[in-house]
Amino acid sequence: MMQLSVACVRNDTATGTTSVPTPPPSSALAPVPPLPSAEDVTALLRRLLDPTVPNAEKHDSIQGVRVDPDLPNRLAKVAQQYHAEVTVTTTALGAPGMVAAGTWTIDGVVPQPIVVNFIAEDGKWKVEKTWGCQLLIVFDMTSPMCR
């Protein structure tokens, strides 16, 4: 695995000193999980939108959801009402960690492009909190997770 290190050099013109900040210890850098396939991410997102899957089984898949533990199935019930479906066609490493692209459909309307952001946390890929909060806006929902 290749590690990339970037250092910022600070020049203090008043004192004439130059400093380089100390990097965090290597133990602070969490390993990035393997990149999942598009099929695996499609299955994950479909489980998140399935109201029959218990909330507890979804908590490890959404960043920050523990502050609103009932949110996954509230969202899943609304998604079910709108007949929301998602299909991921590609996954790639990119900011903020992994990007999954594909299409989603609401009420059988022509599929629209979708890009879902994931973040590596606790050794797993999780739907990024910011992206999850944007999805709530689509369905006119709110959550303490998004405050």
C-alpha atoms as a PDB file:
ATOM      1  CA  MET A   1       0.000   0.000   0.000  1.00  0.00           C
ATOM      2  CA  MET A   2       1.387   3.382  -0.963  1.00  0.00           C
ATOM      3  CA  GLN A   3       1.092   6.205   1.569  1.00  0.00           C
ATOM      4  CA  LEU A   4       0.998   9.804   0.506  1.00  0.00           C
ATOM      5  CA  SER A   5       2.224  12.445   2.875  1.00  0.00           C
ATOM      6  CA  VAL A   6       1.759  16.163   2.408  1.00  0.00           C
ATOM      7  CA  ALA A   7       3.495  18.707   4.626  1.00  0.00           C
ATOM      8  CA  CYS A   8       2.723  22.364   4.954  1.00  0.00           C
ATOM      9  CA  VAL A   9       5.650  24.634   5.680  1.00  0.00           C
ATOM     10  CA  ARG A  10       4.939  27.718   7.767  1.00  0.00           C
ATOM     11  CA  ASN A  11       7.149  30.754   7.447  1.00  0.00           C
ATOM     12  CA  ASP A  12       6.912  33.267  10.276  1.00  0.00           C
ATOM     13  CA  THR A  13       8.281  36.481   8.821  1.00  0.00           C
ATOM     14  CA  ALA A  14       8.222  38.242  12.223  1.00  0.00           C
ATOM     15  CA  THR A  15      10.626  35.756  13.820  1.00  0.00           C
ATOM     16  CA  GLY A  16      12.299  34.426  10.682  1.00  0.00           C
ATOM     17  CA  THR A  17      11.483  30.834  11.637  1.00  0.00           C
ATOM     18  CA  THR A  18      10.182  28.009   9.468  1.00  0.00           C
ATOM     19  CA  SER A  19       8.234  25.049  10.837  1.00  0.00           C
ATOM     20  CA  VAL A  20       6.636  21.879   9.587  1.00  0.00           C
ATOM     21  CA  PRO A  21       3.629  20.554  11.552  1.00  0.00           C
ATOM     22  CA  THR A  22       4.058  17.118  13.073  1.00  0.00           C
ATOM     23  CA  PRO A  23       1.960  14.480  11.274  1.00  0.00           C
ATOM     24  CA  PRO A  24      -0.505  12.380  13.306  1.00  0.00           C
ATOM     25  CA  PRO A  25       0.782   9.024  14.549  1.00  0.00           C
ATOM     26  CA  SER A  26       0.339   6.243  12.008  1.00  0.00           C
ATOM     27  CA  SER A  27      -2.165   4.512  14.331  1.00  0.00           C
ATOM     28  CA  ALA A  28      -4.511   7.509  13.828  1.00  0.00           C
ATOM     29  CA  LEU A  29      -4.790   6.737  10.120  1.00  0.00           C
ATOM     30  CA  ALA A  30      -7.555   4.175   9.684  1.00  0.00           C
ATOM     31  CA  PRO A  31      -7.142   1.606   6.926  1.00  0.00           C
ATOM     32  CA  VAL A  32      -9.441   2.043   3.954  1.00  0.00           C
ATOM     33  CA  PRO A  33     -11.684  -0.966   3.350  1.00  0.00           C
ATOM     34  CA  PRO A  34     -11.513  -2.692  -0.048  1.00  0.00           C
ATOM     35  CA  LEU A  35     -13.543  -1.069  -2.808  1.00  0.00           C
ATOM     36  CA  PRO A  36     -16.838  -2.964  -3.113  1.00  0.00           C
ATOM     37  CA  SER A  37     -18.390  -3.859  -6.449  1.00  0.00           C
ATOM     38  CA  ALA A  38     -21.318  -1.939  -7.898  1.00  0.00           C
ATOM     39  CA  GLU A  39     -23.489  -4.992  -7.210  1.00  0.00           C
ATOM     40  CA  ASP A  40     -22.466  -5.025  -3.537  1.00  0.00           C
ATOM     41  CA  VAL A  41     -23.258  -1.327  -3.136  1.00  0.00           C
ATOM     42  CA  THR A  42     -26.604  -1.774  -4.917  1.00  0.00           C
ATOM     43  CA  ALA A  43     -27.449  -4.553  -2.449  1.00  0.00           C
ATOM     44  CA  LEU A  44     -26.405  -2.362   0.500  1.00  0.00           C
ATOM     45  CA  LEU A  45     -28.532   0.585  -0.640  1.00  0.00           C
ATOM     46  CA  ARG A  46     -31.512  -1.667  -1.334  1.00  0.00           C
ATOM     47  CA  ARG A  47     -31.212  -3.094   2.198  1.00  0.00           C
ATOM     48  CA  LEU A  48     -31.150   0.438   3.581  1.00  0.00           C
ATOM     49  CA  LEU A  49     -34.359   1.225   1.663  1.00  0.00           C
ATOM     50  CA  ASP A  50     -36.066  -2.014   2.719  1.00  0.00           C
ATOM     51  CA  PRO A  51     -38.466  -1.400   5.647  1.00  0.00           C
ATOM     52  CA  THR A  52     -38.454  -5.116   6.539  1.00  0.00           C
ATOM     53  CA  VAL A  53     -34.764  -5.007   7.475  1.00  0.00           C
ATOM     54  CA  PRO A  54     -34.426  -4.053  11.181  1.00  0.00           C
ATOM     55  CA  ASN A  55     -32.940  -0.647  12.004  1.00  0.00           C
ATOM     56  CA  ALA A  56     -30.185  -2.246  14.067  1.00  0.00           C
ATOM     57  CA  GLU A  57     -28.883  -4.012  10.949  1.00  0.00           C
ATOM     58  CA  LYS A  58     -28.595  -0.667   9.152  1.00  0.00           C
ATOM     59  CA  HIS A  59     -26.753   1.384  11.773  1.00  0.00           C
ATOM     60  CA  ASP A  60     -23.299   0.288  10.605  1.00  0.00           C
ATOM     61  CA  SER A  61     -24.060   1.490   7.076  1.00  0.00           C
ATOM     62  CA  ILE A  62     -24.889   5.166   7.692  1.00  0.00           C
ATOM     63  CA  GLN A  63     -22.465   7.667   9.212  1.00  0.00           C
ATOM     64  CA  GLY A  64     -23.839   9.387  12.329  1.00  0.00           C
ATOM     65  CA  VAL A  65     -27.193   7.569  12.393  1.00  0.00           C
ATOM     66  CA  ARG A  66     -26.892   6.480  16.029  1.00  0.00           C
ATOM     67  CA  VAL A  67     -28.194   9.923  17.132  1.00  0.00           C
ATOM     68  CA  ASP A  68     -31.462   9.046  15.337  1.00  0.00           C
ATOM     69  CA  PRO A  69     -31.674   5.232  15.574  1.00  0.00           C
ATOM     70  CA  ASP A  70     -35.149   4.991  14.018  1.00  0.00           C
ATOM     71  CA  LEU A  71     -34.185   7.006  10.948  1.00  0.00           C
ATOM     72  CA  PRO A  72     -33.237   4.112   8.627  1.00  0.00           C
ATOM     73  CA  ASN A  73     -36.687   2.556   8.630  1.00  0.00           C
ATOM     74  CA  ARG A  74     -38.529   5.899   8.652  1.00  0.00           C
ATOM     75  CA  LEU A  75     -36.626   6.668   5.460  1.00  0.00           C
ATOM     76  CA  ALA A  76     -37.233   3.149   4.114  1.00  0.00           C
ATOM     77  CA  LYS A  77     -41.003   3.472   4.639  1.00  0.00           C
ATOM     78  CA  VAL A  78     -41.108   6.755   2.723  1.00  0.00           C
ATOM     79  CA  ALA A  79     -38.925   5.290  -0.027  1.00  0.00           C
ATOM     80  CA  GLN A  80     -41.333   2.360  -0.247  1.00  0.00           C
ATOM     81  CA  GLN A  81     -44.323   4.728  -0.556  1.00  0.00           C
ATOM     82  CA  TYR A  82     -42.595   6.419  -3.503  1.00  0.00           C
ATOM     83  CA  HIS A  83     -41.479   3.101  -5.020  1.00  0.00           C
ATOM     84  CA  ALA A  84     -37.866   4.292  -4.877  1.00  0.00           C
ATOM     85  CA  GLU A  85     -35.314   1.982  -6.486  1.00  0.00           C
ATOM     86  CA  VAL A  86     -31.576   2.393  -6.887  1.00  0.00           C
ATOM     87  CA  THR A  87     -29.006   0.668  -9.082  1.00  0.00           C
ATOM     88  CA  VAL A  88     -25.289   1.357  -8.781  1.00  0.00           C
ATOM     89  CA  THR A  89     -23.248   0.893 -11.950  1.00  0.00           C
ATOM     90  CA  THR A  90     -19.774   2.008 -10.815  1.00  0.00           C
ATOM     91  CA  THR A  91     -17.750   2.492  -7.657  1.00  0.00           C
ATOM     92  CA  ALA A  92     -14.505   4.419  -7.344  1.00  0.00           C
ATOM     93  CA  LEU A  93     -12.271   5.850  -4.679  1.00  0.00           C
ATOM     94  CA  GLY A  94     -12.732   9.609  -4.461  1.00  0.00           C
ATOM     95  CA  ALA A  95     -13.609  12.373  -2.038  1.00  0.00           C
ATOM     96  CA  PRO A  96     -14.836  11.891   0.607  1.00  0.00           C
ATOM     97  CA  GLY A  97     -13.782   8.228   0.367  1.00  0.00           C
ATOM     98  CA  MET A  98     -15.798   6.234  -2.148  1.00  0.00           C
ATOM     99  CA  VAL A  99     -18.219   7.400  -4.789  1.00  0.00           C
ATOM    100  CA  ALA A 100     -20.925   5.111  -6.143  1.00  0.00           C
ATOM    101  CA  ALA A 101     -22.697   6.204  -9.329  1.00  0.00           C
ATOM    102  CA  GLY A 102     -25.822   4.810 -10.915  1.00  0.00           C
ATOM    103  CA  THR A 103     -29.507   5.603 -11.291  1.00  0.00           C
ATOM    104  CA  TRP A 104     -32.549   5.840  -9.106  1.00  0.00           C
ATOM    105  CA  THR A 105     -36.229   5.856  -9.863  1.00  0.00           C
ATOM    106  CA  ILE A 106     -39.124   7.307  -7.901  1.00  0.00           C
ATOM    107  CA  ASP A 107     -42.684   6.239  -8.758  1.00  0.00           C
ATOM    108  CA  GLY A 108     -41.512   4.520 -11.934  1.00  0.00           C
ATOM    109  CA  VAL A 109     -40.416   7.782 -13.564  1.00  0.00           C
ATOM    110  CA  VAL A 110     -37.476   7.651 -15.971  1.00  0.00           C
ATOM    111  CA  PRO A 111     -34.318   6.709 -14.005  1.00  0.00           C
ATOM    112  CA  GLN A 112     -32.280   9.708 -12.901  1.00  0.00           C
ATOM    113  CA  PRO A 113     -28.512   9.768 -12.343  1.00  0.00           C
ATOM    114  CA  ILE A 114     -27.402   9.450  -8.737  1.00  0.00           C
ATOM    115  CA  VAL A 115     -24.029   9.686  -7.030  1.00  0.00           C
ATOM    116  CA  VAL A 116     -23.797   8.385  -3.464  1.00  0.00           C
ATOM    117  CA  ASN A 117     -20.868   9.415  -1.287  1.00  0.00           C
ATOM    118  CA  PHE A 118     -19.414   6.963   1.214  1.00  0.00           C
ATOM    119  CA  ILE A 119     -16.882   7.414   3.967  1.00  0.00           C
ATOM    120  CA  ALA A 120     -14.595   4.802   5.518  1.00  0.00           C
ATOM    121  CA  GLU A 121     -15.360   4.522   9.210  1.00  0.00           C
ATOM    122  CA  ASP A 122     -14.686   1.706  11.667  1.00  0.00           C
ATOM    123  CA  GLY A 123     -13.236  -0.382   8.828  1.00  0.00           C
ATOM    124  CA  LYS A 124     -16.462  -0.208   6.781  1.00  0.00           C
ATOM    125  CA  TRP A 125     -17.938   1.904   4.023  1.00  0.00           C
ATOM    126  CA  LYS A 126     -20.847   3.997   5.295  1.00  0.00           C
ATOM    127  CA  VAL A 127     -23.197   6.331   3.465  1.00  0.00           C
ATOM    128  CA  GLU A 128     -21.792   9.770   4.174  1.00  0.00           C
ATOM    129  CA  LYS A 129     -23.893  11.735   6.669  1.00  0.00           C
ATOM    130  CA  THR A 130     -24.095  14.824   4.439  1.00  0.00           C
ATOM    131  CA  TRP A 131     -25.381  12.756   1.518  1.00  0.00           C
ATOM    132  CA  GLY A 132     -27.913  11.039   3.784  1.00  0.00           C
ATOM    133  CA  CYS A 133     -29.180  14.414   4.982  1.00  0.00           C
ATOM    134  CA  GLN A 134     -29.607  15.588   1.379  1.00  0.00           C
ATOM    135  CA  LEU A 135     -31.681  12.482   0.682  1.00  0.00           C
ATOM    136  CA  LEU A 136     -33.933  13.365   3.621  1.00  0.00           C
ATOM    137  CA  ILE A 137     -34.622  16.732   2.000  1.00  0.00           C
ATOM    138  CA  VAL A 138     -35.792  14.956  -1.178  1.00  0.00           C
ATOM    139  CA  PHE A 139     -38.390  13.099   0.894  1.00  0.00           C
ATOM    140  CA  ASP A 140     -39.265  16.200   3.014  1.00  0.00           C
ATOM    141  CA  MET A 141     -37.887  14.623   6.180  1.00  0.00           C
ATOM    142  CA  THR A 142     -35.691  15.899   9.012  1.00  0.00           C
ATOM    143  CA  SER A 143     -33.420  14.246  11.544  1.00  0.00           C
ATOM    144  CA  PRO A 144     -31.292  15.275  14.535  1.00  0.00           C
ATOM    145  CA  MET A 145     -28.460  13.589  12.629  1.00  0.00           C
ATOM    146  CA  CYS A 146     -28.503  16.526  10.211  1.00  0.00           C
ATOM    147  CA  ARG A 147     -28.285  19.348  12.730  1.00  0.00           C
END
